[in-house]
N, C-alpha and C. Protein backbone atom coordinates (compact mmCIF):
# COMPACT_ATOMS: atom_id res chain seq x y z
N MET A 1 -19.37 -0.78 -6.59
CA MET A 1 -18.11 -0.43 -7.26
C MET A 1 -18.27 0.92 -7.96
N TYR A 2 -17.47 1.88 -7.53
CA TYR A 2 -17.57 3.22 -8.11
C TYR A 2 -16.56 3.44 -9.23
N TYR A 3 -15.43 2.68 -9.21
CA TYR A 3 -14.40 2.99 -10.20
C TYR A 3 -13.58 1.73 -10.50
N SER A 4 -13.34 1.50 -11.79
CA SER A 4 -12.51 0.38 -12.22
C SER A 4 -11.59 0.85 -13.33
N THR A 5 -10.36 0.37 -13.33
CA THR A 5 -9.39 0.78 -14.34
C THR A 5 -8.45 -0.38 -14.64
N PRO A 6 -8.01 -0.51 -15.90
CA PRO A 6 -7.00 -1.51 -16.23
C PRO A 6 -5.59 -1.03 -15.91
N LYS A 7 -5.49 0.24 -15.49
CA LYS A 7 -4.18 0.82 -15.16
C LYS A 7 -3.90 0.72 -13.66
N LYS A 8 -2.68 1.02 -13.28
CA LYS A 8 -2.38 1.17 -11.86
C LYS A 8 -3.19 2.34 -11.32
N LEU A 9 -3.57 2.26 -10.06
CA LEU A 9 -4.38 3.29 -9.43
C LEU A 9 -3.63 3.89 -8.24
N ILE A 10 -3.59 5.22 -8.17
CA ILE A 10 -2.96 5.90 -7.04
C ILE A 10 -4.05 6.41 -6.11
N ILE A 11 -3.91 6.11 -4.82
CA ILE A 11 -4.82 6.63 -3.80
C ILE A 11 -4.02 7.54 -2.88
N VAL A 12 -4.52 8.75 -2.67
CA VAL A 12 -3.83 9.71 -1.82
C VAL A 12 -4.65 9.94 -0.55
N GLY A 13 -4.01 9.72 0.59
CA GLY A 13 -4.65 9.94 1.88
C GLY A 13 -4.23 11.27 2.48
N GLY A 14 -4.73 11.53 3.68
CA GLY A 14 -4.52 12.84 4.29
C GLY A 14 -3.34 12.96 5.22
N ALA A 15 -2.56 11.88 5.43
CA ALA A 15 -1.40 11.97 6.30
C ALA A 15 -0.27 12.75 5.62
N VAL A 16 0.66 13.22 6.41
CA VAL A 16 1.76 14.04 5.90
C VAL A 16 2.75 13.18 5.12
N PHE A 17 3.17 13.66 3.97
CA PHE A 17 4.23 13.01 3.19
C PHE A 17 4.97 14.09 2.42
N SER A 18 6.17 13.77 1.98
CA SER A 18 7.00 14.76 1.31
C SER A 18 6.63 14.91 -0.16
N ASP A 19 6.91 16.09 -0.70
CA ASP A 19 6.70 16.32 -2.12
C ASP A 19 7.56 15.39 -2.96
N ASP A 20 8.78 15.12 -2.49
CA ASP A 20 9.68 14.23 -3.22
C ASP A 20 9.10 12.83 -3.33
N LEU A 21 8.50 12.34 -2.23
CA LEU A 21 7.90 11.02 -2.27
C LEU A 21 6.75 10.98 -3.26
N PHE A 22 5.95 12.03 -3.28
CA PHE A 22 4.82 12.07 -4.21
C PHE A 22 5.32 12.05 -5.65
N LYS A 23 6.37 12.81 -5.92
CA LYS A 23 6.92 12.86 -7.28
C LYS A 23 7.39 11.49 -7.73
N GLU A 24 7.84 10.66 -6.78
CA GLU A 24 8.32 9.32 -7.15
C GLU A 24 7.20 8.42 -7.62
N VAL A 25 6.01 8.60 -7.07
CA VAL A 25 4.92 7.69 -7.43
C VAL A 25 3.93 8.29 -8.42
N TYR A 26 3.91 9.62 -8.53
CA TYR A 26 2.90 10.27 -9.37
C TYR A 26 3.22 10.15 -10.85
N ASP A 27 2.19 9.87 -11.61
CA ASP A 27 2.28 9.79 -13.07
C ASP A 27 0.96 10.35 -13.58
N ASN A 28 1.02 11.43 -14.35
CA ASN A 28 -0.24 12.05 -14.78
C ASN A 28 -1.01 11.20 -15.79
N GLU A 29 -0.43 10.08 -16.21
CA GLU A 29 -1.14 9.15 -17.08
C GLU A 29 -1.96 8.14 -16.28
N LEU A 30 -1.74 8.10 -14.96
CA LEU A 30 -2.44 7.15 -14.11
C LEU A 30 -3.62 7.81 -13.40
N PRO A 31 -4.72 7.08 -13.22
CA PRO A 31 -5.85 7.63 -12.46
C PRO A 31 -5.48 7.80 -10.99
N ILE A 32 -6.07 8.81 -10.37
CA ILE A 32 -5.77 9.09 -8.97
C ILE A 32 -7.07 9.37 -8.23
N ILE A 33 -7.19 8.81 -7.04
CA ILE A 33 -8.37 8.99 -6.20
C ILE A 33 -7.95 9.55 -4.86
N ALA A 34 -8.70 10.51 -4.36
CA ALA A 34 -8.42 11.09 -3.04
C ALA A 34 -9.27 10.38 -2.00
N ALA A 35 -8.60 9.90 -0.96
CA ALA A 35 -9.30 9.34 0.18
C ALA A 35 -9.45 10.45 1.20
N ASP A 36 -10.64 11.01 1.28
CA ASP A 36 -10.96 12.09 2.22
C ASP A 36 -9.93 13.22 2.17
N GLY A 37 -9.14 13.41 3.23
CA GLY A 37 -8.22 14.54 3.32
C GLY A 37 -7.15 14.60 2.27
N GLY A 38 -6.94 13.53 1.51
CA GLY A 38 -5.99 13.55 0.41
C GLY A 38 -6.39 14.56 -0.65
N ALA A 39 -7.69 14.90 -0.68
CA ALA A 39 -8.17 15.89 -1.65
C ALA A 39 -7.57 17.26 -1.39
N ASN A 40 -7.22 17.56 -0.13
CA ASN A 40 -6.62 18.85 0.19
C ASN A 40 -5.26 18.99 -0.49
N PHE A 41 -4.45 17.94 -0.42
CA PHE A 41 -3.13 17.97 -1.06
C PHE A 41 -3.27 18.10 -2.57
N LEU A 42 -4.17 17.34 -3.16
CA LEU A 42 -4.33 17.38 -4.61
C LEU A 42 -4.80 18.75 -5.08
N ALA A 43 -5.73 19.36 -4.34
CA ALA A 43 -6.21 20.69 -4.71
C ALA A 43 -5.10 21.72 -4.65
N GLU A 44 -4.27 21.62 -3.62
CA GLU A 44 -3.15 22.56 -3.47
C GLU A 44 -2.14 22.42 -4.60
N ASN A 45 -2.12 21.26 -5.24
CA ASN A 45 -1.17 21.02 -6.34
C ASN A 45 -1.87 20.97 -7.70
N ASN A 46 -3.11 21.47 -7.74
CA ASN A 46 -3.87 21.56 -8.99
C ASN A 46 -3.98 20.22 -9.73
N ILE A 47 -4.22 19.19 -8.95
CA ILE A 47 -4.42 17.86 -9.51
C ILE A 47 -5.88 17.47 -9.26
N TYR A 48 -6.59 17.09 -10.32
CA TYR A 48 -8.00 16.77 -10.20
C TYR A 48 -8.17 15.25 -10.18
N PRO A 49 -8.66 14.71 -9.08
CA PRO A 49 -8.81 13.26 -8.96
C PRO A 49 -10.04 12.74 -9.72
N GLU A 50 -10.01 11.45 -9.99
CA GLU A 50 -11.18 10.81 -10.60
C GLU A 50 -12.36 10.84 -9.64
N LEU A 51 -12.05 10.63 -8.35
CA LEU A 51 -13.07 10.64 -7.30
C LEU A 51 -12.46 11.15 -6.01
N VAL A 52 -13.30 11.71 -5.16
CA VAL A 52 -12.97 11.97 -3.75
C VAL A 52 -13.92 11.09 -2.95
N MET A 53 -13.36 10.27 -2.09
CA MET A 53 -14.19 9.27 -1.42
C MET A 53 -13.81 9.15 0.05
N GLY A 54 -14.79 8.88 0.90
CA GLY A 54 -14.55 8.69 2.32
C GLY A 54 -15.69 9.26 3.13
N ASP A 55 -15.47 9.40 4.46
CA ASP A 55 -16.54 10.02 5.24
C ASP A 55 -16.50 11.55 5.14
N LEU A 56 -15.43 12.05 4.51
CA LEU A 56 -15.30 13.48 4.17
C LEU A 56 -15.31 14.39 5.39
N ASP A 57 -14.75 13.90 6.50
CA ASP A 57 -14.66 14.73 7.70
C ASP A 57 -13.35 15.51 7.78
N SER A 58 -12.45 15.26 6.82
CA SER A 58 -11.14 15.92 6.85
C SER A 58 -10.87 16.80 5.64
N VAL A 59 -11.72 16.73 4.66
CA VAL A 59 -11.49 17.51 3.45
C VAL A 59 -12.15 18.88 3.57
N SER A 60 -11.44 19.89 3.09
CA SER A 60 -11.99 21.25 3.08
C SER A 60 -13.01 21.39 1.96
N GLU A 61 -14.16 21.98 2.28
CA GLU A 61 -15.20 22.17 1.26
C GLU A 61 -14.68 23.00 0.10
N GLN A 62 -13.80 23.95 0.41
CA GLN A 62 -13.22 24.80 -0.63
C GLN A 62 -12.41 23.98 -1.62
N ASN A 63 -11.78 22.91 -1.12
CA ASN A 63 -10.90 22.11 -1.98
C ASN A 63 -11.64 21.12 -2.87
N VAL A 64 -12.95 20.98 -2.69
CA VAL A 64 -13.71 20.11 -3.59
C VAL A 64 -14.75 20.87 -4.40
N GLN A 65 -14.76 22.20 -4.25
CA GLN A 65 -15.80 22.97 -4.92
C GLN A 65 -15.66 22.97 -6.44
N ASN A 66 -14.44 22.71 -6.94
CA ASN A 66 -14.24 22.68 -8.39
C ASN A 66 -14.33 21.28 -8.97
N ILE A 67 -14.72 20.32 -8.14
CA ILE A 67 -14.88 18.94 -8.59
C ILE A 67 -16.37 18.66 -8.80
N GLU A 68 -16.69 17.97 -9.88
CA GLU A 68 -18.09 17.64 -10.15
C GLU A 68 -18.71 16.94 -8.94
N PRO A 69 -19.91 17.36 -8.53
CA PRO A 69 -20.54 16.76 -7.35
C PRO A 69 -20.64 15.24 -7.42
N LYS A 70 -20.87 14.69 -8.60
CA LYS A 70 -21.02 13.24 -8.72
C LYS A 70 -19.70 12.50 -8.45
N LYS A 71 -18.59 13.25 -8.47
CA LYS A 71 -17.29 12.64 -8.21
C LYS A 71 -16.89 12.73 -6.74
N VAL A 72 -17.70 13.38 -5.94
CA VAL A 72 -17.45 13.49 -4.50
C VAL A 72 -18.42 12.55 -3.80
N ILE A 73 -17.88 11.45 -3.29
CA ILE A 73 -18.71 10.37 -2.76
C ILE A 73 -18.53 10.25 -1.25
N ARG A 74 -19.54 10.57 -0.53
CA ARG A 74 -19.50 10.47 0.93
C ARG A 74 -20.02 9.11 1.36
N ILE A 75 -19.19 8.40 2.13
CA ILE A 75 -19.57 7.09 2.67
C ILE A 75 -19.47 7.22 4.19
N PRO A 76 -20.57 7.40 4.89
CA PRO A 76 -20.53 7.72 6.32
C PRO A 76 -20.17 6.57 7.25
N ASP A 77 -20.08 5.36 6.73
CA ASP A 77 -19.78 4.18 7.54
C ASP A 77 -18.56 4.42 8.43
N GLN A 78 -18.71 4.30 9.75
CA GLN A 78 -17.62 4.53 10.68
C GLN A 78 -16.91 3.24 11.10
N ASP A 79 -17.30 2.12 10.50
CA ASP A 79 -16.65 0.85 10.82
C ASP A 79 -15.52 0.52 9.85
N SER A 80 -15.27 1.41 8.91
CA SER A 80 -14.17 1.21 7.96
C SER A 80 -13.40 2.50 7.82
N THR A 81 -12.10 2.39 7.52
CA THR A 81 -11.27 3.57 7.30
C THR A 81 -11.51 4.11 5.90
N ASP A 82 -10.98 5.31 5.65
CA ASP A 82 -11.13 5.89 4.31
C ASP A 82 -10.39 5.06 3.28
N LEU A 83 -9.24 4.50 3.65
CA LEU A 83 -8.52 3.63 2.72
C LEU A 83 -9.37 2.41 2.38
N GLU A 84 -9.99 1.81 3.39
CA GLU A 84 -10.83 0.64 3.15
C GLU A 84 -12.04 0.98 2.28
N LYS A 85 -12.60 2.16 2.51
CA LYS A 85 -13.75 2.59 1.70
C LYS A 85 -13.37 2.65 0.22
N VAL A 86 -12.18 3.18 -0.05
CA VAL A 86 -11.74 3.27 -1.45
C VAL A 86 -11.46 1.87 -2.01
N LEU A 87 -10.79 1.03 -1.25
CA LEU A 87 -10.46 -0.31 -1.73
C LEU A 87 -11.71 -1.13 -2.00
N LEU A 88 -12.71 -0.97 -1.17
CA LEU A 88 -13.96 -1.69 -1.35
C LEU A 88 -14.69 -1.29 -2.64
N ASN A 89 -14.44 -0.08 -3.09
CA ASN A 89 -15.23 0.47 -4.20
C ASN A 89 -14.43 0.77 -5.45
N THR A 90 -13.23 0.20 -5.54
CA THR A 90 -12.41 0.38 -6.74
C THR A 90 -11.80 -0.95 -7.15
N GLN A 91 -11.37 -1.01 -8.39
CA GLN A 91 -10.70 -2.21 -8.90
C GLN A 91 -9.58 -1.79 -9.83
N SER A 92 -8.39 -2.34 -9.62
CA SER A 92 -7.24 -2.07 -10.48
C SER A 92 -6.24 -3.21 -10.32
N PRO A 93 -5.33 -3.38 -11.29
CA PRO A 93 -4.33 -4.45 -11.17
C PRO A 93 -3.31 -4.19 -10.07
N LEU A 94 -3.07 -2.92 -9.75
CA LEU A 94 -2.15 -2.56 -8.66
C LEU A 94 -2.59 -1.22 -8.09
N THR A 95 -2.67 -1.14 -6.78
CA THR A 95 -3.04 0.10 -6.11
C THR A 95 -1.85 0.62 -5.32
N ILE A 96 -1.51 1.88 -5.55
CA ILE A 96 -0.39 2.53 -4.86
C ILE A 96 -0.97 3.56 -3.90
N GLY A 97 -0.71 3.37 -2.61
CA GLY A 97 -1.23 4.29 -1.61
C GLY A 97 -0.15 5.20 -1.05
N ILE A 98 -0.46 6.47 -0.92
CA ILE A 98 0.46 7.43 -0.33
C ILE A 98 -0.36 8.36 0.57
N GLY A 99 0.19 8.71 1.72
CA GLY A 99 -0.54 9.57 2.64
C GLY A 99 -1.36 8.79 3.65
N PHE A 100 -0.91 7.56 3.97
CA PHE A 100 -1.61 6.75 4.96
C PHE A 100 -0.72 6.39 6.14
N LEU A 101 0.54 6.78 6.11
CA LEU A 101 1.47 6.52 7.20
C LEU A 101 2.09 7.84 7.65
N GLY A 102 2.68 7.85 8.84
CA GLY A 102 3.45 9.00 9.28
C GLY A 102 2.66 10.11 9.92
N SER A 103 1.41 9.87 10.25
CA SER A 103 0.60 10.91 10.87
C SER A 103 0.26 10.52 12.30
N GLN A 104 -0.54 9.50 12.47
CA GLN A 104 -0.92 9.00 13.79
C GLN A 104 -0.77 7.50 13.80
N ILE A 105 -0.26 6.95 14.91
CA ILE A 105 0.03 5.53 14.96
C ILE A 105 -1.22 4.69 14.75
N ASP A 106 -2.39 5.14 15.25
CA ASP A 106 -3.60 4.35 15.05
C ASP A 106 -3.99 4.31 13.58
N HIS A 107 -3.76 5.42 12.86
CA HIS A 107 -4.04 5.44 11.43
C HIS A 107 -3.07 4.53 10.67
N GLU A 108 -1.82 4.51 11.10
CA GLU A 108 -0.83 3.66 10.46
C GLU A 108 -1.21 2.19 10.61
N LEU A 109 -1.60 1.80 11.83
CA LEU A 109 -1.98 0.41 12.07
C LEU A 109 -3.22 0.03 11.25
N ALA A 110 -4.15 0.96 11.13
CA ALA A 110 -5.36 0.70 10.34
C ALA A 110 -5.00 0.50 8.87
N ALA A 111 -4.05 1.29 8.37
CA ALA A 111 -3.64 1.16 6.97
C ALA A 111 -2.97 -0.19 6.73
N LEU A 112 -2.13 -0.62 7.67
CA LEU A 112 -1.46 -1.91 7.52
C LEU A 112 -2.46 -3.05 7.64
N SER A 113 -3.45 -2.89 8.50
CA SER A 113 -4.50 -3.90 8.64
C SER A 113 -5.27 -4.06 7.33
N ALA A 114 -5.46 -2.96 6.61
CA ALA A 114 -6.19 -3.01 5.34
C ALA A 114 -5.49 -3.90 4.32
N LEU A 115 -4.17 -3.98 4.39
CA LEU A 115 -3.45 -4.83 3.45
C LEU A 115 -3.85 -6.29 3.61
N ALA A 116 -4.08 -6.71 4.87
CA ALA A 116 -4.48 -8.10 5.12
C ALA A 116 -5.96 -8.32 4.85
N LYS A 117 -6.76 -7.27 4.99
CA LYS A 117 -8.20 -7.41 4.76
C LYS A 117 -8.54 -7.57 3.28
N PHE A 118 -7.63 -7.12 2.42
CA PHE A 118 -7.90 -7.18 0.98
C PHE A 118 -6.78 -7.95 0.27
N PRO A 119 -6.60 -9.24 0.60
CA PRO A 119 -5.50 -10.01 0.01
C PRO A 119 -5.62 -10.19 -1.49
N GLU A 120 -6.85 -10.05 -2.03
CA GLU A 120 -7.04 -10.22 -3.47
C GLU A 120 -6.55 -9.01 -4.25
N LYS A 121 -6.31 -7.91 -3.54
CA LYS A 121 -5.81 -6.69 -4.19
C LYS A 121 -4.31 -6.59 -3.96
N LYS A 122 -3.63 -6.00 -4.94
CA LYS A 122 -2.19 -5.75 -4.79
C LYS A 122 -2.03 -4.29 -4.41
N ILE A 123 -1.65 -4.07 -3.15
CA ILE A 123 -1.61 -2.71 -2.62
C ILE A 123 -0.21 -2.42 -2.10
N LYS A 124 0.29 -1.26 -2.44
CA LYS A 124 1.57 -0.81 -1.91
C LYS A 124 1.34 0.52 -1.21
N VAL A 125 1.77 0.58 0.04
CA VAL A 125 1.65 1.81 0.81
C VAL A 125 3.04 2.28 1.18
N GLU A 126 3.28 3.62 1.05
CA GLU A 126 4.59 4.13 1.44
C GLU A 126 4.84 3.82 2.90
N ILE A 127 6.03 3.55 3.33
CA ILE A 127 7.35 3.69 2.74
C ILE A 127 7.38 2.80 1.48
N LEU A 128 7.60 1.53 1.63
CA LEU A 128 7.33 0.53 0.61
C LEU A 128 6.92 -0.71 1.40
N ILE A 129 5.64 -0.83 1.59
CA ILE A 129 5.08 -1.92 2.40
C ILE A 129 3.95 -2.55 1.60
N PHE A 130 3.98 -3.86 1.52
CA PHE A 130 2.89 -4.53 0.82
C PHE A 130 2.73 -5.95 1.34
N LEU A 131 1.54 -6.49 1.11
CA LEU A 131 1.27 -7.87 1.47
C LEU A 131 1.96 -8.77 0.45
N VAL A 132 2.73 -9.72 0.95
CA VAL A 132 3.51 -10.58 0.05
C VAL A 132 2.58 -11.54 -0.70
N PRO A 133 2.66 -11.57 -2.04
CA PRO A 133 1.87 -12.52 -2.84
C PRO A 133 2.27 -13.96 -2.54
N PRO A 134 1.54 -14.95 -3.07
CA PRO A 134 1.85 -16.37 -2.79
C PRO A 134 3.28 -16.76 -3.15
N ASN A 135 3.79 -16.22 -4.24
CA ASN A 135 5.19 -16.43 -4.62
C ASN A 135 5.73 -15.09 -5.09
N PHE A 136 6.81 -14.65 -4.47
CA PHE A 136 7.31 -13.32 -4.81
C PHE A 136 8.82 -13.31 -4.86
N SER A 137 9.36 -12.80 -5.96
CA SER A 137 10.80 -12.66 -6.12
C SER A 137 11.14 -11.21 -6.42
N LEU A 138 12.30 -10.78 -5.97
CA LEU A 138 12.72 -9.40 -6.19
C LEU A 138 14.23 -9.35 -6.28
N ARG A 139 14.73 -8.61 -7.26
CA ARG A 139 16.18 -8.41 -7.34
C ARG A 139 16.66 -7.65 -6.12
N SER A 140 17.82 -8.01 -5.63
CA SER A 140 18.34 -7.40 -4.41
C SER A 140 19.84 -7.18 -4.55
N TYR A 141 20.43 -6.69 -3.50
CA TYR A 141 21.89 -6.53 -3.45
C TYR A 141 22.35 -6.90 -2.06
N VAL A 142 23.60 -7.27 -1.95
CA VAL A 142 24.13 -7.72 -0.67
C VAL A 142 23.99 -6.61 0.38
N GLY A 143 23.36 -6.95 1.48
CA GLY A 143 23.18 -5.99 2.56
C GLY A 143 21.87 -5.22 2.51
N MET A 144 21.06 -5.42 1.46
CA MET A 144 19.79 -4.70 1.35
C MET A 144 18.89 -5.10 2.53
N ARG A 145 18.33 -4.09 3.19
CA ARG A 145 17.46 -4.34 4.34
C ARG A 145 16.13 -4.93 3.87
N VAL A 146 15.75 -6.03 4.50
CA VAL A 146 14.51 -6.72 4.18
C VAL A 146 13.81 -7.05 5.49
N SER A 147 12.65 -6.46 5.70
CA SER A 147 11.92 -6.73 6.94
C SER A 147 10.61 -7.44 6.64
N LEU A 148 10.37 -8.51 7.36
CA LEU A 148 9.13 -9.27 7.25
C LEU A 148 8.34 -9.05 8.54
N TYR A 149 7.05 -8.76 8.38
CA TYR A 149 6.24 -8.59 9.58
C TYR A 149 4.94 -9.38 9.43
N PRO A 150 4.70 -10.34 10.34
CA PRO A 150 3.48 -11.15 10.26
C PRO A 150 2.30 -10.43 10.90
N LEU A 151 1.17 -10.43 10.22
CA LEU A 151 -0.06 -9.88 10.79
C LEU A 151 -0.85 -10.95 11.52
N ASP A 152 -0.46 -12.21 11.33
CA ASP A 152 -1.05 -13.36 12.00
C ASP A 152 -0.02 -14.47 11.90
N GLU A 153 -0.33 -15.62 12.41
CA GLU A 153 0.60 -16.73 12.33
C GLU A 153 0.79 -17.14 10.88
N VAL A 154 2.05 -17.20 10.42
CA VAL A 154 2.32 -17.52 9.03
C VAL A 154 3.70 -18.16 8.91
N LYS A 155 3.80 -19.17 8.05
CA LYS A 155 5.08 -19.78 7.75
C LYS A 155 5.60 -19.20 6.44
N VAL A 156 6.92 -19.04 6.33
CA VAL A 156 7.50 -18.39 5.16
C VAL A 156 8.72 -19.16 4.68
N LYS A 157 8.65 -19.66 3.46
CA LYS A 157 9.85 -20.21 2.83
C LYS A 157 10.59 -19.04 2.19
N SER A 158 11.90 -19.02 2.33
CA SER A 158 12.66 -17.90 1.80
C SER A 158 13.99 -18.35 1.22
N ASP A 159 14.45 -17.58 0.24
CA ASP A 159 15.79 -17.75 -0.34
C ASP A 159 16.40 -16.37 -0.46
N GLY A 160 17.70 -16.28 -0.26
CA GLY A 160 18.40 -15.03 -0.46
C GLY A 160 18.48 -14.14 0.76
N LEU A 161 18.07 -14.64 1.93
CA LEU A 161 18.14 -13.84 3.16
C LEU A 161 19.25 -14.33 4.08
N LYS A 162 19.85 -13.42 4.80
CA LYS A 162 20.92 -13.77 5.73
C LYS A 162 20.40 -14.72 6.80
N TRP A 163 19.21 -14.40 7.33
CA TRP A 163 18.59 -15.26 8.34
C TRP A 163 17.37 -15.91 7.70
N ALA A 164 17.55 -17.17 7.27
CA ALA A 164 16.49 -17.88 6.56
C ALA A 164 15.28 -18.10 7.47
N THR A 165 14.11 -18.13 6.87
CA THR A 165 12.87 -18.31 7.63
C THR A 165 12.28 -19.70 7.45
N ASN A 166 12.92 -20.54 6.66
CA ASN A 166 12.39 -21.88 6.40
C ASN A 166 12.23 -22.65 7.71
N GLY A 167 11.04 -23.23 7.89
CA GLY A 167 10.77 -24.01 9.10
C GLY A 167 10.30 -23.18 10.28
N LEU A 168 10.29 -21.87 10.13
CA LEU A 168 9.86 -21.00 11.23
C LEU A 168 8.39 -20.61 11.07
N THR A 169 7.76 -20.37 12.18
CA THR A 169 6.40 -19.82 12.18
C THR A 169 6.49 -18.41 12.76
N LEU A 170 6.18 -17.43 11.94
CA LEU A 170 6.22 -16.04 12.39
C LEU A 170 4.83 -15.65 12.91
N LYS A 171 4.81 -14.82 13.95
CA LYS A 171 3.53 -14.30 14.46
C LYS A 171 3.80 -13.02 15.24
N PRO A 172 2.82 -12.13 15.32
CA PRO A 172 3.03 -10.82 15.95
C PRO A 172 3.48 -10.90 17.40
N THR A 173 3.01 -11.94 18.12
CA THR A 173 3.34 -12.06 19.53
C THR A 173 4.51 -13.00 19.77
N GLY A 174 5.15 -13.43 18.70
CA GLY A 174 6.29 -14.34 18.83
C GLY A 174 7.44 -13.86 17.97
N GLN A 175 7.96 -14.75 17.17
CA GLN A 175 9.07 -14.41 16.31
C GLN A 175 8.58 -13.65 15.08
N ILE A 176 9.22 -12.50 14.82
CA ILE A 176 8.92 -11.74 13.62
C ILE A 176 10.16 -11.76 12.73
N GLY A 177 10.14 -11.00 11.66
CA GLY A 177 11.27 -11.11 10.72
C GLY A 177 11.83 -9.78 10.29
N THR A 178 11.82 -8.81 11.19
CA THR A 178 12.32 -7.48 10.82
C THR A 178 13.85 -7.44 10.81
N SER A 179 14.38 -6.45 10.09
CA SER A 179 15.82 -6.17 10.04
C SER A 179 16.65 -7.33 9.52
N ASN A 180 16.11 -8.08 8.57
CA ASN A 180 16.87 -9.11 7.88
C ASN A 180 17.66 -8.44 6.76
N LYS A 181 18.50 -9.20 6.07
CA LYS A 181 19.31 -8.63 4.99
C LYS A 181 19.40 -9.61 3.83
N ALA A 182 19.50 -9.06 2.63
CA ALA A 182 19.72 -9.87 1.43
C ALA A 182 21.19 -10.25 1.36
N ILE A 183 21.45 -11.44 0.83
CA ILE A 183 22.84 -11.89 0.73
C ILE A 183 23.28 -12.08 -0.73
N GLY A 184 22.40 -11.76 -1.66
CA GLY A 184 22.75 -11.95 -3.07
C GLY A 184 21.94 -11.06 -3.98
N LYS A 185 21.73 -11.53 -5.20
CA LYS A 185 21.11 -10.71 -6.24
C LYS A 185 19.60 -10.89 -6.34
N ILE A 186 19.05 -11.81 -5.55
CA ILE A 186 17.59 -12.00 -5.59
C ILE A 186 17.11 -12.58 -4.27
N ILE A 187 15.91 -12.15 -3.87
CA ILE A 187 15.25 -12.76 -2.72
C ILE A 187 13.96 -13.40 -3.23
N HIS A 188 13.56 -14.48 -2.58
CA HIS A 188 12.31 -15.15 -2.95
C HIS A 188 11.57 -15.51 -1.68
N LEU A 189 10.26 -15.20 -1.66
CA LEU A 189 9.43 -15.45 -0.49
C LEU A 189 8.18 -16.22 -0.89
N THR A 190 7.84 -17.22 -0.07
CA THR A 190 6.62 -17.98 -0.27
C THR A 190 5.91 -18.12 1.07
N PRO A 191 5.00 -17.20 1.38
CA PRO A 191 4.25 -17.30 2.64
C PRO A 191 3.13 -18.32 2.55
N SER A 192 2.74 -18.88 3.69
CA SER A 192 1.71 -19.92 3.70
C SER A 192 0.30 -19.34 3.58
N GLN A 193 0.12 -18.07 3.90
CA GLN A 193 -1.18 -17.43 3.79
C GLN A 193 -0.99 -15.92 3.65
N PRO A 194 -2.03 -15.19 3.25
CA PRO A 194 -1.89 -13.74 3.02
C PRO A 194 -1.88 -12.93 4.32
N LYS A 195 -0.81 -13.14 5.10
CA LYS A 195 -0.70 -12.46 6.40
C LYS A 195 0.70 -11.88 6.63
N LEU A 196 1.50 -11.76 5.56
CA LEU A 196 2.88 -11.32 5.72
C LEU A 196 3.13 -10.01 5.00
N LEU A 197 3.62 -9.02 5.75
CA LEU A 197 4.01 -7.75 5.16
C LEU A 197 5.50 -7.77 4.83
N LEU A 198 5.85 -7.19 3.69
CA LEU A 198 7.26 -6.99 3.33
C LEU A 198 7.54 -5.50 3.36
N ILE A 199 8.56 -5.12 4.11
CA ILE A 199 8.91 -3.71 4.29
C ILE A 199 10.31 -3.49 3.71
N LEU A 200 10.39 -2.58 2.73
CA LEU A 200 11.63 -2.33 2.02
C LEU A 200 11.88 -0.83 1.92
N SER A 201 13.08 -0.48 1.56
CA SER A 201 13.39 0.92 1.27
C SER A 201 12.69 1.34 -0.02
N LYS A 202 12.23 2.59 -0.07
CA LYS A 202 11.56 3.06 -1.28
C LYS A 202 12.52 3.18 -2.46
N THR A 203 13.82 2.96 -2.23
CA THR A 203 14.78 3.00 -3.34
C THR A 203 14.55 1.85 -4.33
N VAL A 204 13.85 0.79 -3.89
CA VAL A 204 13.59 -0.33 -4.80
C VAL A 204 12.17 -0.26 -5.37
N LEU A 205 11.54 0.90 -5.25
CA LEU A 205 10.17 1.09 -5.71
C LEU A 205 9.99 0.67 -7.17
N ASN A 206 10.83 1.18 -8.07
CA ASN A 206 10.66 0.92 -9.50
C ASN A 206 10.89 -0.54 -9.85
N GLU A 207 11.65 -1.24 -9.04
CA GLU A 207 11.86 -2.67 -9.26
C GLU A 207 10.69 -3.48 -8.71
N ALA A 208 10.15 -3.05 -7.59
CA ALA A 208 9.09 -3.82 -6.91
C ALA A 208 7.75 -3.74 -7.63
N ILE A 209 7.42 -2.59 -8.18
CA ILE A 209 6.09 -2.41 -8.77
C ILE A 209 5.81 -3.41 -9.90
N PRO A 210 6.70 -3.56 -10.90
CA PRO A 210 6.39 -4.55 -11.95
C PRO A 210 6.34 -5.98 -11.43
N GLN A 211 7.12 -6.28 -10.39
CA GLN A 211 7.08 -7.62 -9.81
C GLN A 211 5.74 -7.87 -9.13
N LEU A 212 5.22 -6.85 -8.48
CA LEU A 212 3.91 -6.97 -7.85
C LEU A 212 2.81 -7.12 -8.91
N GLU A 213 2.92 -6.36 -9.97
CA GLU A 213 1.90 -6.41 -11.03
C GLU A 213 1.81 -7.80 -11.65
N SER A 214 2.96 -8.46 -11.81
CA SER A 214 2.98 -9.75 -12.48
C SER A 214 2.82 -10.93 -11.52
N ALA A 215 2.83 -10.67 -10.21
CA ALA A 215 2.76 -11.75 -9.23
C ALA A 215 1.37 -12.36 -9.19
N GLN A 216 1.33 -13.61 -8.75
CA GLN A 216 0.07 -14.33 -8.59
C GLN A 216 -0.77 -13.69 -7.49
N HIS A 217 -2.09 -13.68 -7.69
CA HIS A 217 -2.99 -13.17 -6.66
C HIS A 217 -3.27 -14.25 -5.61
N TRP A 218 -3.62 -13.82 -4.43
CA TRP A 218 -4.14 -14.75 -3.43
C TRP A 218 -5.54 -15.17 -3.86
């Protein structure tokens, strides 16, 4: 374990993302860690991370020269992604990831896989994707897009959705739950195991984060 914090933790990866999206999640009161190439973005914006971590094959040497050597941690293991390397070596009540989607499809799939590999951690990756806790409720509005995606076979009890999932078994090669809609002021989900992703618009970011922080852990 290289880093632990009682605060929310922001992890920045090397995939392309907009400045506006970063502004939505960035808070200079929160610790921030660069996963490999994420250090390039932070250096360009004069933000100094607590750590730079990964196999360091994507970060420019120039962009880490002003960071203390002990804060630059190279982990050469090629059997894990840079996101996984950071998750394995950090601890926080909620981890917010940005810069892990929208670059290459294989990287995107690896980032989503990491959510299932670390069910004990509460991780949110942009757009707004996270592993659903054992019991999760969120304020909604009529017509709000709600997509459920199973990473493995999982049953889901639900309330507040146009197409209820009660009694259904979702799985990647069978029935999934994308493009559903909220029908009222709250949705509630109870998955049978930590294998369900919830995909929402980033417009509900500020509502979702405190709900995730207070939700029960797997």
